Amino acid sequence: MTTFHVRVDDAEDDTDLYDLYRWLSADLDVRLAAPKLVERPPRPGEMGGVAEAISVVIAAVSAMGGVVSAIAAWKMTRGQRKNPTVTVTTPGGTSVTIENGSAEEVAAIYRAIGD
């Protein structure tokens, strides 16, 4: 099993992250990757933690292509006006930015896994 973290980088709050989480949870292929919200611990004065990433666990690295495709589809629904940057971080700490879910971006993630 391999765990990746997905972040929405340039969002003002965690609304986009929750929206992407719902999108991934509804995708039949990605649902098998068991997306879960990752929260940072609450800071003093806060009632609870704030979601900062989505954890995606996959059994086979080949399944990451479906996750990247789902992220790209979600980004396309956002339109040009509000198209946040999404970054996937590998277990080794390498980050890859998803712009459009191209084969090059998927290949970059596969290369990063090998590092």
Protein backbone atom coordinates (compact mmCIF):
# COMPACT_ATOMS: atom_id res chain seq x y z
CA MET A 1 0.00 0.00 0.00
CA THR A 2 1.23 3.47 -0.91
CA THR A 3 -0.12 6.69 0.60
CA PHE A 4 -0.15 9.99 -1.28
CA HIS A 5 -1.21 13.41 -0.03
CA VAL A 6 -3.22 15.75 -2.23
CA ARG A 7 -3.27 19.48 -1.44
CA VAL A 8 -5.19 22.39 -2.93
CA ASP A 9 -2.47 25.02 -2.73
CA ASP A 10 -3.83 28.44 -3.58
CA ALA A 11 -7.24 28.27 -1.90
CA GLU A 12 -8.29 30.97 0.53
CA ASP A 13 -9.85 28.41 2.87
CA ASP A 14 -10.49 24.67 2.90
CA THR A 15 -13.69 24.86 0.83
CA ASP A 16 -11.90 23.72 -2.35
CA LEU A 17 -10.21 20.89 -0.49
CA TYR A 18 -13.55 19.63 0.85
CA ASP A 19 -15.04 19.95 -2.64
CA LEU A 20 -12.19 17.91 -4.15
CA TYR A 21 -12.57 15.35 -1.35
CA ARG A 22 -16.28 14.91 -2.15
CA TRP A 23 -15.42 14.62 -5.86
CA LEU A 24 -12.79 11.92 -5.26
CA SER A 25 -15.05 10.05 -2.84
CA ALA A 26 -17.79 9.92 -5.48
CA ASP A 27 -15.49 8.68 -8.26
CA LEU A 28 -15.91 4.90 -8.58
CA ASP A 29 -12.24 4.27 -9.39
CA VAL A 30 -10.84 6.59 -6.74
CA ARG A 31 -13.21 5.43 -4.02
CA LEU A 32 -11.18 2.21 -3.89
CA ALA A 33 -8.19 4.38 -2.91
CA ALA A 34 -10.08 5.32 0.27
CA PRO A 35 -9.64 9.10 0.22
CA LYS A 36 -9.56 10.60 3.71
CA LEU A 37 -9.18 14.15 4.95
CA VAL A 38 -5.98 14.94 6.82
CA GLU A 39 -6.39 17.63 9.46
CA ARG A 40 -3.72 19.62 11.21
CA PRO A 41 -4.05 19.79 14.99
CA PRO A 42 -6.08 22.72 16.29
CA ARG A 43 -4.18 25.86 17.21
CA PRO A 44 -4.79 27.58 20.52
CA GLY A 45 -8.27 29.09 20.51
CA GLU A 46 -9.55 26.90 17.65
CA MET A 47 -12.42 24.49 18.19
CA GLY A 48 -10.98 21.79 15.95
CA GLY A 49 -8.41 20.99 13.34
CA VAL A 50 -8.48 22.34 9.81
CA ALA A 51 -8.31 20.04 6.78
CA GLU A 52 -5.01 20.51 4.98
CA ALA A 53 -4.80 17.54 2.61
CA ILE A 54 -6.48 14.42 1.29
CA SER A 55 -4.79 11.10 1.92
CA VAL A 56 -5.14 8.56 -0.91
CA VAL A 57 -4.01 4.97 -0.33
CA ILE A 58 -3.45 2.76 -3.36
CA ALA A 59 -2.47 -0.88 -3.58
CA ALA A 60 -0.91 -0.67 -7.05
CA VAL A 61 0.98 2.34 -8.35
CA SER A 62 -0.89 2.02 -11.65
CA ALA A 63 -4.05 3.15 -9.84
CA MET A 64 -2.53 6.61 -9.41
CA GLY A 65 -3.42 7.40 -13.04
CA GLY A 66 -7.12 7.23 -12.13
CA VAL A 67 -6.59 9.56 -9.18
CA VAL A 68 -4.76 12.10 -11.34
CA SER A 69 -7.47 11.88 -14.01
CA ALA A 70 -10.16 12.49 -11.39
CA ILE A 71 -8.26 15.52 -10.06
CA ALA A 72 -7.93 16.89 -13.60
CA ALA A 73 -11.66 16.40 -14.21
CA TRP A 74 -12.45 18.24 -10.96
CA LYS A 75 -10.15 21.10 -11.99
CA MET A 76 -11.96 21.39 -15.34
CA THR A 77 -15.28 21.84 -13.55
CA ARG A 78 -13.82 24.82 -11.71
CA GLY A 79 -13.44 26.90 -14.87
CA GLN A 80 -10.64 29.28 -15.73
CA ARG A 81 -11.68 31.86 -13.15
CA LYS A 82 -11.13 29.60 -10.17
CA ASN A 83 -8.80 26.79 -11.06
CA PRO A 84 -6.73 26.07 -7.94
CA THR A 85 -3.34 24.43 -8.02
CA VAL A 86 -3.38 20.83 -6.83
CA THR A 87 -0.21 19.14 -5.64
CA VAL A 88 0.30 15.41 -5.11
CA THR A 89 3.07 14.47 -2.67
CA THR A 90 4.59 11.01 -2.83
CA PRO A 91 5.58 8.95 0.22
CA GLY A 92 9.20 10.00 -0.44
CA GLY A 93 8.28 13.68 -0.16
CA THR A 94 8.47 14.59 -3.85
CA SER A 95 5.65 16.88 -5.00
CA VAL A 96 4.09 17.05 -8.47
CA THR A 97 1.65 19.78 -9.50
CA ILE A 98 -1.43 18.68 -11.41
CA GLU A 99 -2.45 21.15 -14.11
CA ASN A 100 -4.47 19.08 -16.56
CA GLY A 101 -3.92 15.38 -15.76
CA SER A 102 -1.74 14.89 -18.83
CA ALA A 103 0.27 11.75 -19.44
CA GLU A 104 3.38 13.79 -18.60
CA GLU A 105 2.02 14.66 -15.16
CA VAL A 106 1.11 11.04 -14.46
CA ALA A 107 4.59 9.98 -15.63
CA ALA A 108 6.16 12.61 -13.32
CA ILE A 109 4.33 11.05 -10.38
CA TYR A 110 5.49 7.56 -11.37
CA ARG A 111 9.08 8.85 -11.66
CA ALA A 112 8.78 10.53 -8.26
CA ILE A 113 7.62 7.27 -6.70
CA GLY A 114 10.80 5.64 -7.92
CA ASP A 115 12.97 8.26 -6.18
